[in-house]
Amino acid sequence: MRNKIFPRTLLFSLLVLAVCLAGFSKEKTIASIWRGSPLSVDGKDDDWEGGTLSLEKKFEVDYAFKNDAENLYVLFIFKDSLFLSTIKDTGITLWINTEGKKKKKYGVTFKMIQVSADALISILEKQKGPLPEAEKNRIMSKPNYTFYQGDVRDKKGDILTPAALGGELSIPVFRSEPKQKMMVYEFVMSLRILENLSAKHKMEPGKMVKIGFEWGGLTERMKAQRMARLEQSTTREAERRAKDVREGEVQKIGGDSAASELKKSPKKYSFWVDVKLAQKD
């Protein structure tokens, strides 16, 4: 009897192991490339030529990673503008998980915003402390600026910058530039960007880290604006129907097309990859 039970138990164990291994094999592991000198983040892919790009076919994006001892560099290229969605409004968030889980805890949201000279001074002073008068005057020489910056945030959406940086870590930045029919994004952040929040979230050369890309959908401001427009559209539709009843007209079947369109939300996209950080030979 035992002789029959043992082979069955062994076979069951092997089947379970095979299923587990099959699940792990589906995870895409991307090797970061070691960068011997700081990379110029300018929204161009010139510094990435000769490297291997990975394709996320579902969203038609190419991406790659490089790192040195201090920073992680990320290239992200949209090859189909359809998948840009509302990225200009929502930005793109890189979620970072050093525990090997597809779990959003801390991330960096990179977003381009237009700011006045006064607003730029206020932002910089929150990050770096009081600016010299000469620097303020230089900034005030122009009325407006395009500001490219990343903010550390938690899964609730709360911004943790600048407290997360502790006044010691460099601010994550990015640039984006069109190239033919594509849109190129280039990011840089410190490997230590989350260590002030939790030491276990520090990224190190040679280690594995899960990174999730997320963009599109609606911001809170966009949701409020959409709700206001929807309420206006609903009110107009109710008034029209009331007028039809008073005038004895037959009401049309179906809802207001404007309201129907407003209920459709821009798509939100996301995917995760495992990244093996490079280390110096």
Protein backbone atom coordinates (compact mmCIF):
# COMPACT_ATOMS: atom_id res chain seq x y z
CA MET A 1 0.00 0.00 0.00
CA ARG A 2 2.80 2.39 0.95
CA ASN A 3 4.51 1.69 -2.36
CA LYS A 4 1.44 2.97 -4.23
CA ILE A 5 0.94 6.04 -2.02
CA PHE A 6 4.55 7.27 -2.31
CA PRO A 7 4.61 7.52 -6.15
CA ARG A 8 1.25 9.32 -6.11
CA THR A 9 2.48 11.79 -3.48
CA LEU A 10 5.69 12.38 -5.43
CA LEU A 11 3.76 12.91 -8.66
CA PHE A 12 1.42 15.40 -6.96
CA SER A 13 4.39 17.29 -5.51
CA LEU A 14 6.07 17.48 -8.91
CA LEU A 15 2.87 18.78 -10.50
CA VAL A 16 2.56 21.51 -7.83
CA LEU A 17 6.22 22.45 -8.34
CA ALA A 18 5.73 22.59 -12.12
CA VAL A 19 2.75 24.91 -11.74
CA CYS A 20 4.71 27.16 -9.40
CA LEU A 21 7.69 27.29 -11.74
CA ALA A 22 5.40 28.03 -14.67
CA GLY A 23 3.98 30.96 -12.73
CA PHE A 24 7.45 32.35 -12.02
CA SER A 25 8.50 31.93 -15.65
CA LYS A 26 5.79 34.34 -16.74
CA GLU A 27 7.49 37.17 -14.86
CA LYS A 28 9.62 39.28 -17.17
CA THR A 29 13.08 40.00 -15.76
CA ILE A 30 14.90 42.96 -17.30
CA ALA A 31 18.62 43.44 -16.82
CA SER A 32 19.66 47.01 -16.09
CA ILE A 33 22.89 48.12 -17.79
CA TRP A 34 25.77 49.59 -15.78
CA ARG A 35 26.45 53.24 -16.50
CA GLY A 36 30.00 54.34 -15.85
CA SER A 37 29.24 58.06 -15.91
CA PRO A 38 26.13 60.20 -15.23
CA LEU A 39 23.57 60.05 -18.03
CA SER A 40 22.21 63.28 -19.50
CA VAL A 41 18.43 63.24 -19.04
CA ASP A 42 17.14 65.23 -22.02
CA GLY A 43 14.22 63.20 -23.40
CA LYS A 44 16.33 61.77 -26.21
CA ASP A 45 17.36 58.15 -26.69
CA ASP A 46 20.87 58.88 -28.05
CA ASP A 47 22.56 57.64 -24.86
CA TRP A 48 20.66 54.35 -25.13
CA GLU A 49 21.78 53.31 -28.59
CA GLY A 50 23.36 49.87 -28.64
CA GLY A 51 21.38 48.79 -25.59
CA THR A 52 18.59 46.24 -25.58
CA LEU A 53 15.06 47.61 -25.47
CA SER A 54 12.23 45.55 -24.02
CA LEU A 55 8.78 45.70 -25.61
CA GLU A 56 5.47 45.73 -23.76
CA LYS A 57 3.48 44.63 -26.78
CA LYS A 58 0.08 45.17 -25.18
CA PHE A 59 0.69 48.93 -25.01
CA GLU A 60 3.27 49.33 -27.79
CA VAL A 61 5.97 50.78 -25.54
CA ASP A 62 9.71 50.13 -25.47
CA TYR A 63 11.63 50.56 -22.24
CA ALA A 64 15.07 50.01 -20.74
CA PHE A 65 16.99 50.59 -17.51
CA LYS A 66 20.49 51.75 -16.64
CA ASN A 67 22.06 52.45 -13.29
CA ASP A 68 25.27 53.49 -11.60
CA ALA A 69 26.11 53.36 -7.91
CA GLU A 70 23.80 56.28 -7.13
CA ASN A 71 21.02 56.55 -9.68
CA LEU A 72 18.49 54.58 -11.72
CA TYR A 73 17.84 55.77 -15.29
CA VAL A 74 14.73 54.72 -17.20
CA LEU A 75 13.87 55.05 -20.89
CA PHE A 76 10.20 54.74 -21.88
CA ILE A 77 9.08 55.14 -25.51
CA PHE A 78 5.48 55.28 -26.72
CA LYS A 79 5.32 53.95 -30.27
CA ASP A 80 1.56 54.45 -30.61
CA SER A 81 0.03 57.76 -29.47
CA LEU A 82 -3.24 55.93 -28.73
CA PHE A 83 -1.70 54.65 -25.50
CA LEU A 84 -0.59 58.06 -24.26
CA SER A 85 -4.11 58.48 -22.86
CA THR A 86 -4.12 61.46 -20.45
CA ILE A 87 -0.44 61.27 -19.52
CA LYS A 88 0.00 65.05 -19.93
CA ASP A 89 -2.48 65.58 -17.09
CA THR A 90 -1.89 62.50 -14.93
CA GLY A 91 1.85 62.07 -15.45
CA ILE A 92 3.43 58.64 -15.20
CA THR A 93 4.11 56.86 -11.91
CA LEU A 94 6.93 54.38 -11.36
CA TRP A 95 5.95 52.18 -8.42
CA ILE A 96 8.91 50.65 -6.59
CA ASN A 97 8.74 47.41 -4.63
CA THR A 98 11.94 45.87 -3.26
CA GLU A 99 10.09 42.93 -1.69
CA GLY A 100 9.32 41.16 -4.97
CA LYS A 101 5.60 41.93 -4.89
CA LYS A 102 3.28 43.64 -7.37
CA LYS A 103 2.14 45.89 -4.57
CA LYS A 104 1.86 49.67 -4.72
CA LYS A 105 3.29 51.23 -1.58
CA TYR A 106 5.64 54.00 -2.68
CA GLY A 107 6.23 55.40 -6.12
CA VAL A 108 7.47 58.44 -8.00
CA THR A 109 5.01 60.39 -10.14
CA PHE A 110 6.70 62.29 -12.96
CA LYS A 111 4.59 65.13 -14.27
CA MET A 112 5.15 68.17 -16.44
CA ILE A 113 3.46 71.35 -15.18
CA GLN A 114 3.41 75.01 -16.18
CA VAL A 115 4.27 77.34 -13.29
CA SER A 116 4.73 81.07 -12.81
CA ALA A 117 8.07 82.50 -11.75
CA ASP A 118 6.74 83.09 -8.23
CA ALA A 119 5.45 79.51 -8.02
CA LEU A 120 8.80 78.14 -9.19
CA ILE A 121 10.64 80.09 -6.51
CA SER A 122 8.21 78.77 -3.90
CA ILE A 123 8.73 75.16 -5.06
CA LEU A 124 12.52 75.47 -5.10
CA GLU A 125 12.63 77.07 -1.66
CA LYS A 126 10.53 74.25 -0.22
CA GLN A 127 13.04 71.81 -1.65
CA LYS A 128 16.33 73.62 -1.07
CA GLY A 129 15.64 76.39 1.43
CA PRO A 130 15.89 80.16 0.80
CA LEU A 131 17.31 81.09 -2.61
CA PRO A 132 19.92 83.86 -3.08
CA GLU A 133 18.48 87.14 -4.38
CA ALA A 134 20.50 86.82 -7.58
CA GLU A 135 18.87 83.43 -8.28
CA LYS A 136 15.40 84.83 -7.58
CA ASN A 137 16.02 87.76 -9.94
CA ARG A 138 17.18 85.38 -12.66
CA ILE A 139 13.99 83.33 -12.29
CA MET A 140 11.78 86.43 -12.23
CA SER A 141 13.22 87.52 -15.58
CA LYS A 142 10.74 85.10 -17.22
CA PRO A 143 7.01 85.00 -16.40
CA ASN A 144 6.44 81.24 -16.78
CA TYR A 145 8.35 77.96 -16.75
CA THR A 146 7.80 74.35 -17.76
CA PHE A 147 8.63 72.27 -14.72
CA TYR A 148 9.66 68.61 -15.07
CA GLN A 149 9.78 66.86 -11.75
CA GLY A 150 9.01 63.65 -9.92
CA ASP A 151 7.25 63.52 -6.56
CA VAL A 152 7.40 60.63 -4.12
CA ARG A 153 3.90 59.45 -3.26
CA ASP A 154 2.18 56.65 -1.37
CA LYS A 155 -0.55 54.30 -2.55
CA LYS A 156 -3.25 56.73 -1.33
CA GLY A 157 -1.90 59.38 -3.67
CA ASP A 158 -0.47 61.59 -0.91
CA ILE A 159 2.69 63.46 -1.97
CA LEU A 160 5.62 62.75 0.37
CA THR A 161 8.14 65.08 -1.28
CA PRO A 162 10.23 66.83 0.05
CA ALA A 163 10.06 65.01 3.41
CA ALA A 164 10.94 61.70 1.74
CA LEU A 165 14.15 63.20 0.36
CA GLY A 166 15.21 64.57 3.72
CA GLY A 167 17.11 67.44 2.15
CA GLU A 168 19.91 65.01 1.26
CA LEU A 169 18.71 63.12 -1.78
CA SER A 170 18.52 64.54 -5.30
CA ILE A 171 15.08 65.33 -6.69
CA PRO A 172 13.87 62.88 -9.37
CA VAL A 173 13.55 64.57 -12.76
CA PHE A 174 12.60 63.67 -16.33
CA ARG A 175 12.29 65.01 -19.84
CA SER A 176 10.06 64.05 -22.77
CA GLU A 177 10.54 64.75 -26.47
CA PRO A 178 8.72 63.66 -29.64
CA LYS A 179 10.69 61.57 -32.12
CA GLN A 180 9.07 60.96 -35.49
CA LYS A 181 5.73 59.32 -34.56
CA MET A 182 6.96 58.33 -31.10
CA MET A 183 7.14 60.04 -27.69
CA VAL A 184 10.31 59.49 -25.68
CA TYR A 185 10.41 59.77 -21.89
CA GLU A 186 13.64 59.66 -19.89
CA PHE A 187 13.72 59.50 -16.08
CA VAL A 188 16.33 59.56 -13.32
CA MET A 189 15.95 58.94 -9.60
CA SER A 190 18.27 58.14 -6.72
CA LEU A 191 18.59 54.48 -5.76
CA ARG A 192 18.15 55.70 -2.18
CA ILE A 193 15.01 57.70 -2.88
CA LEU A 194 12.82 55.68 -0.49
CA GLU A 195 15.33 54.94 2.25
CA ASN A 196 14.13 57.79 4.48
CA LEU A 197 10.66 56.22 4.44
CA SER A 198 11.97 52.71 5.11
CA ALA A 199 15.51 51.35 4.99
CA LYS A 200 14.28 48.11 3.38
CA HIS A 201 13.07 50.06 0.33
CA LYS A 202 16.55 51.20 -0.63
CA MET A 203 17.64 49.95 -4.05
CA GLU A 204 21.20 48.69 -4.44
CA PRO A 205 23.38 47.63 -7.40
CA GLY A 206 23.12 43.90 -8.02
CA LYS A 207 19.71 43.58 -6.35
CA MET A 208 16.33 42.76 -7.85
CA VAL A 209 13.45 45.26 -7.70
CA LYS A 210 9.91 45.24 -9.07
CA ILE A 211 8.90 48.39 -10.95
CA GLY A 212 5.36 49.16 -12.01
CA PHE A 213 4.51 51.70 -14.71
CA GLU A 214 1.14 53.44 -14.41
CA TRP A 215 -0.40 56.31 -16.39
CA GLY A 216 -3.67 57.62 -17.83
CA GLY A 217 -7.13 57.79 -16.34
CA LEU A 218 -8.41 60.87 -14.52
CA THR A 219 -6.91 63.24 -11.96
CA GLU A 220 -9.08 64.46 -9.07
CA ARG A 221 -9.42 67.83 -10.81
CA MET A 222 -10.50 66.12 -14.03
CA LYS A 223 -13.03 64.01 -12.11
CA ALA A 224 -14.54 67.15 -10.54
CA GLN A 225 -14.73 68.93 -13.90
CA ARG A 226 -16.30 65.90 -15.54
CA MET A 227 -18.87 65.59 -12.76
CA ALA A 228 -19.81 69.26 -13.10
CA ARG A 229 -20.26 68.87 -16.88
CA LEU A 230 -22.28 65.68 -16.36
CA GLU A 231 -24.60 67.45 -13.91
CA GLN A 232 -25.10 70.30 -16.39
CA SER A 233 -25.82 67.83 -19.19
CA THR A 234 -28.29 65.91 -17.01
CA THR A 235 -30.08 69.13 -16.08
CA ARG A 236 -30.38 70.16 -19.75
CA GLU A 237 -31.72 66.71 -20.65
CA ALA A 238 -34.31 66.86 -17.85
CA GLU A 239 -35.43 70.31 -18.99
CA ARG A 240 -35.72 69.13 -22.61
CA ARG A 241 -37.81 66.10 -21.63
CA ALA A 242 -40.09 68.28 -19.48
CA LYS A 243 -40.58 70.63 -22.45
CA ASP A 244 -41.43 67.66 -24.71
CA VAL A 245 -44.07 66.47 -22.23
CA ARG A 246 -45.62 69.93 -22.00
CA GLU A 247 -45.80 70.24 -25.77
CA GLY A 248 -47.17 66.74 -26.19
CA GLU A 249 -44.19 65.42 -28.11
CA VAL A 250 -43.12 61.79 -27.94
CA GLN A 251 -39.90 61.42 -25.96
CA LYS A 252 -36.99 59.87 -27.75
CA ILE A 253 -35.77 56.51 -26.57
CA GLY A 254 -32.27 56.53 -25.14
CA GLY A 255 -30.25 58.91 -23.00
CA ASP A 256 -28.51 62.13 -23.80
CA SER A 257 -25.54 61.41 -26.07
CA ALA A 258 -23.45 64.15 -24.41
CA ALA A 259 -24.03 62.61 -20.99
CA SER A 260 -23.19 59.16 -22.36
CA GLU A 261 -19.90 60.45 -23.73
CA LEU A 262 -19.05 62.15 -20.43
CA LYS A 263 -19.49 58.86 -18.57
CA LYS A 264 -16.72 57.29 -20.66
CA SER A 265 -13.40 57.65 -18.86
CA PRO A 266 -9.96 57.82 -20.49
CA LYS A 267 -8.17 54.51 -20.14
CA LYS A 268 -5.67 53.86 -17.38
CA TYR A 269 -2.69 51.62 -18.18
CA SER A 270 -0.21 49.76 -16.02
CA PHE A 271 2.24 46.86 -16.00
CA TRP A 272 5.02 45.50 -13.79
CA VAL A 273 8.52 44.19 -14.54
CA ASP A 274 11.32 42.67 -12.50
CA VAL A 275 14.55 44.67 -12.84
CA LYS A 276 17.96 43.24 -11.97
CA LEU A 277 20.08 46.25 -11.11
CA ALA A 278 23.57 46.20 -12.59
CA GLN A 279 26.73 46.33 -10.53
CA LYS A 280 30.22 47.42 -11.43
CA ASP A 281 32.47 44.57 -12.61
